[in-house]
Amino acid sequence: MPVVKFYASLRQVTGVKEARFDGRTVKEVLDTVSAAYDGKLDRYLKISTVLVNGRNIAHLRGRRTRLEPDDEVSIFPPMGGG
């Protein structure tokens, strides 16, 4: 079961640094994360940068990227400031 790591404001919303979620693709895992937190993360999940084992999913197969049970999914919400 892939481990999902939460960063920045996502840690405040979830109350944890990481958790394990079922899913065979990034989309399935993100859907499971959304359901686990009653949709509270939905606005973040749509615009966050997602990495699988340190690689941006934009350079893989996007949300269709397949996952193995020992994969690490990192979610980084957009950062503001200047």
N, C-alpha and C. Protein backbone atom coordinates (compact mmCIF):
# COMPACT_ATOMS: atom_id res chain seq x y z
N MET A 1 0.84 -1.17 0.00
CA MET A 1 0.00 0.00 0.00
C MET A 1 0.90 1.24 0.00
N PRO A 2 0.79 2.12 -1.02
CA PRO A 2 1.66 3.29 -1.10
C PRO A 2 1.53 4.21 0.11
N VAL A 3 2.65 4.82 0.48
CA VAL A 3 2.63 5.82 1.55
C VAL A 3 2.46 7.19 0.90
N VAL A 4 1.61 8.02 1.48
CA VAL A 4 1.38 9.37 1.00
C VAL A 4 1.95 10.33 2.03
N LYS A 5 2.82 11.24 1.57
CA LYS A 5 3.43 12.23 2.45
C LYS A 5 2.80 13.59 2.16
N PHE A 6 2.38 14.24 3.24
CA PHE A 6 1.74 15.55 3.14
C PHE A 6 2.72 16.64 3.54
N TYR A 7 2.71 17.75 2.80
CA TYR A 7 3.63 18.85 3.08
C TYR A 7 2.86 20.15 3.28
N ALA A 8 3.53 21.08 3.97
CA ALA A 8 3.03 22.44 4.20
C ALA A 8 1.62 22.43 4.79
N SER A 9 0.71 23.18 4.20
CA SER A 9 -0.64 23.34 4.75
C SER A 9 -1.42 22.03 4.76
N LEU A 10 -1.04 21.07 3.95
CA LEU A 10 -1.73 19.79 3.95
C LEU A 10 -1.54 19.06 5.28
N ARG A 11 -0.39 19.27 5.91
CA ARG A 11 -0.16 18.66 7.22
C ARG A 11 -1.11 19.24 8.26
N GLN A 12 -1.39 20.52 8.14
CA GLN A 12 -2.32 21.15 9.09
C GLN A 12 -3.72 20.59 8.91
N VAL A 13 -4.13 20.39 7.67
CA VAL A 13 -5.47 19.88 7.40
C VAL A 13 -5.61 18.42 7.82
N THR A 14 -4.60 17.61 7.51
CA THR A 14 -4.68 16.17 7.81
C THR A 14 -4.29 15.83 9.24
N GLY A 15 -3.41 16.64 9.81
CA GLY A 15 -2.93 16.36 11.16
C GLY A 15 -1.84 15.30 11.20
N VAL A 16 -1.37 14.86 10.04
CA VAL A 16 -0.31 13.84 9.96
C VAL A 16 0.70 14.21 8.89
N LYS A 17 1.90 13.66 9.02
CA LYS A 17 2.93 13.87 8.00
C LYS A 17 2.78 12.88 6.86
N GLU A 18 2.31 11.67 7.20
CA GLU A 18 2.15 10.64 6.18
C GLU A 18 1.13 9.61 6.62
N ALA A 19 0.62 8.88 5.63
CA ALA A 19 -0.34 7.80 5.88
C ALA A 19 -0.33 6.88 4.67
N ARG A 20 -0.82 5.68 4.85
CA ARG A 20 -0.89 4.71 3.75
C ARG A 20 -2.31 4.66 3.21
N PHE A 21 -2.41 4.61 1.87
CA PHE A 21 -3.70 4.57 1.20
C PHE A 21 -3.67 3.56 0.07
N ASP A 22 -4.78 2.88 -0.14
CA ASP A 22 -4.92 1.93 -1.24
C ASP A 22 -5.04 2.67 -2.56
N GLY A 23 -4.56 2.03 -3.61
CA GLY A 23 -4.70 2.56 -4.95
C GLY A 23 -3.64 2.00 -5.86
N ARG A 24 -4.04 1.73 -7.10
CA ARG A 24 -3.09 1.21 -8.09
C ARG A 24 -2.55 2.29 -8.99
N THR A 25 -3.20 3.47 -8.97
CA THR A 25 -2.73 4.62 -9.74
C THR A 25 -2.73 5.84 -8.83
N VAL A 26 -2.07 6.91 -9.28
CA VAL A 26 -2.08 8.15 -8.51
C VAL A 26 -3.51 8.64 -8.34
N LYS A 27 -4.31 8.57 -9.39
CA LYS A 27 -5.71 9.01 -9.30
C LYS A 27 -6.47 8.25 -8.22
N GLU A 28 -6.32 6.93 -8.19
CA GLU A 28 -7.01 6.13 -7.18
C GLU A 28 -6.58 6.51 -5.77
N VAL A 29 -5.28 6.72 -5.58
CA VAL A 29 -4.78 7.10 -4.27
C VAL A 29 -5.32 8.48 -3.88
N LEU A 30 -5.29 9.44 -4.80
CA LEU A 30 -5.80 10.77 -4.49
C LEU A 30 -7.30 10.74 -4.20
N ASP A 31 -8.04 9.90 -4.90
CA ASP A 31 -9.47 9.75 -4.62
C ASP A 31 -9.68 9.18 -3.22
N THR A 32 -8.85 8.23 -2.83
CA THR A 32 -8.95 7.63 -1.50
C THR A 32 -8.58 8.65 -0.43
N VAL A 33 -7.55 9.44 -0.69
CA VAL A 33 -7.17 10.51 0.24
C VAL A 33 -8.33 11.49 0.41
N SER A 34 -8.93 11.90 -0.69
CA SER A 34 -10.05 12.83 -0.65
C SER A 34 -11.18 12.28 0.21
N ALA A 35 -11.53 11.03 0.00
CA ALA A 35 -12.62 10.41 0.75
C ALA A 35 -12.27 10.29 2.24
N ALA A 36 -11.01 9.98 2.53
CA ALA A 36 -10.59 9.80 3.92
C ALA A 36 -10.71 11.10 4.72
N TYR A 37 -10.57 12.23 4.05
CA TYR A 37 -10.65 13.52 4.72
C TYR A 37 -11.91 14.28 4.33
N ASP A 38 -12.94 13.54 3.96
CA ASP A 38 -14.27 14.11 3.67
C ASP A 38 -14.23 15.29 2.70
N GLY A 39 -13.35 15.22 1.71
CA GLY A 39 -13.29 16.25 0.68
C GLY A 39 -12.59 17.53 1.11
N LYS A 40 -12.08 17.60 2.34
CA LYS A 40 -11.42 18.81 2.83
C LYS A 40 -10.15 19.15 2.05
N LEU A 41 -9.57 18.16 1.37
CA LEU A 41 -8.34 18.39 0.62
C LEU A 41 -8.58 18.62 -0.87
N ASP A 42 -9.82 18.51 -1.30
CA ASP A 42 -10.11 18.55 -2.74
C ASP A 42 -9.53 19.78 -3.44
N ARG A 43 -9.71 20.94 -2.85
CA ARG A 43 -9.21 22.16 -3.52
C ARG A 43 -7.68 22.14 -3.64
N TYR A 44 -7.01 21.52 -2.68
CA TYR A 44 -5.56 21.40 -2.75
C TYR A 44 -5.12 20.34 -3.76
N LEU A 45 -5.82 19.22 -3.76
CA LEU A 45 -5.42 18.10 -4.62
C LEU A 45 -5.50 18.46 -6.10
N LYS A 46 -6.38 19.35 -6.47
CA LYS A 46 -6.52 19.74 -7.87
C LYS A 46 -5.33 20.55 -8.37
N ILE A 47 -4.65 21.26 -7.47
CA ILE A 47 -3.59 22.18 -7.91
C ILE A 47 -2.22 21.87 -7.31
N SER A 48 -2.12 20.78 -6.57
CA SER A 48 -0.86 20.43 -5.93
C SER A 48 0.11 19.76 -6.90
N THR A 49 1.38 19.85 -6.56
CA THR A 49 2.41 19.10 -7.27
C THR A 49 2.51 17.74 -6.60
N VAL A 50 2.45 16.70 -7.42
CA VAL A 50 2.49 15.32 -6.90
C VAL A 50 3.73 14.63 -7.44
N LEU A 51 4.48 14.03 -6.53
CA LEU A 51 5.67 13.27 -6.90
C LEU A 51 5.47 11.81 -6.53
N VAL A 52 5.99 10.94 -7.36
CA VAL A 52 6.04 9.51 -7.06
C VAL A 52 7.50 9.12 -7.00
N ASN A 53 7.94 8.71 -5.83
CA ASN A 53 9.34 8.35 -5.62
C ASN A 53 10.27 9.46 -6.08
N GLY A 54 9.87 10.70 -5.80
CA GLY A 54 10.70 11.86 -6.12
C GLY A 54 10.58 12.39 -7.54
N ARG A 55 9.74 11.77 -8.36
CA ARG A 55 9.58 12.21 -9.75
C ARG A 55 8.20 12.82 -9.94
N ASN A 56 8.18 14.01 -10.54
CA ASN A 56 6.93 14.70 -10.78
C ASN A 56 6.07 13.88 -11.74
N ILE A 57 4.79 13.69 -11.37
CA ILE A 57 3.92 12.88 -12.23
C ILE A 57 3.69 13.52 -13.58
N ALA A 58 3.97 14.82 -13.70
CA ALA A 58 3.85 15.49 -15.00
C ALA A 58 4.85 14.91 -16.00
N HIS A 59 5.93 14.32 -15.49
CA HIS A 59 6.95 13.72 -16.35
C HIS A 59 6.78 12.21 -16.45
N LEU A 60 5.73 11.70 -15.85
CA LEU A 60 5.42 10.27 -15.92
C LEU A 60 4.14 10.12 -16.74
N ARG A 61 3.12 9.54 -16.17
CA ARG A 61 1.84 9.37 -16.88
C ARG A 61 0.73 10.17 -16.20
N GLY A 62 1.12 11.24 -15.51
CA GLY A 62 0.14 12.06 -14.82
C GLY A 62 -0.57 11.26 -13.75
N ARG A 63 -1.85 11.51 -13.59
CA ARG A 63 -2.63 10.81 -12.57
C ARG A 63 -2.86 9.35 -12.93
N ARG A 64 -2.52 8.97 -14.16
CA ARG A 64 -2.63 7.56 -14.56
C ARG A 64 -1.38 6.77 -14.20
N THR A 65 -0.39 7.42 -13.59
CA THR A 65 0.85 6.76 -13.19
C THR A 65 0.53 5.58 -12.27
N ARG A 66 1.02 4.41 -12.64
CA ARG A 66 0.77 3.20 -11.85
C ARG A 66 1.67 3.20 -10.61
N LEU A 67 1.15 2.64 -9.55
CA LEU A 67 1.87 2.60 -8.29
C LEU A 67 2.10 1.17 -7.84
N GLU A 68 3.22 0.97 -7.17
CA GLU A 68 3.54 -0.30 -6.52
C GLU A 68 3.29 -0.12 -5.02
N PRO A 69 3.09 -1.21 -4.30
CA PRO A 69 2.79 -1.11 -2.87
C PRO A 69 3.83 -0.35 -2.04
N ASP A 70 5.08 -0.36 -2.46
CA ASP A 70 6.13 0.31 -1.68
C ASP A 70 6.46 1.71 -2.20
N ASP A 71 5.65 2.25 -3.11
CA ASP A 71 5.90 3.59 -3.65
C ASP A 71 5.58 4.67 -2.63
N GLU A 72 6.22 5.82 -2.84
CA GLU A 72 5.99 6.99 -2.00
C GLU A 72 5.38 8.09 -2.85
N VAL A 73 4.23 8.60 -2.44
CA VAL A 73 3.54 9.68 -3.13
C VAL A 73 3.63 10.92 -2.25
N SER A 74 4.26 11.97 -2.75
CA SER A 74 4.42 13.22 -2.01
C SER A 74 3.52 14.27 -2.63
N ILE A 75 2.77 14.99 -1.78
CA ILE A 75 1.85 16.01 -2.26
C ILE A 75 2.28 17.37 -1.70
N PHE A 76 2.59 18.30 -2.61
CA PHE A 76 3.03 19.63 -2.24
C PHE A 76 1.99 20.65 -2.73
N PRO A 77 1.31 21.34 -1.81
CA PRO A 77 0.37 22.36 -2.25
C PRO A 77 1.14 23.54 -2.83
N PRO A 78 0.48 24.38 -3.64
CA PRO A 78 1.17 25.55 -4.21
C PRO A 78 1.62 26.48 -3.09
N MET A 79 2.76 27.10 -3.31
CA MET A 79 3.31 28.02 -2.31
C MET A 79 3.08 29.44 -2.80
N GLY A 80 2.78 30.32 -1.89
CA GLY A 80 2.60 31.73 -2.22
C GLY A 80 3.69 32.55 -1.58
N GLY A 81 3.69 33.80 -1.91
CA GLY A 81 4.67 34.69 -1.30
C GLY A 81 5.56 35.33 -2.34
N GLY A 82 6.52 36.03 -1.88
CA GLY A 82 7.38 36.71 -2.84
C GLY A 82 8.59 37.30 -2.26
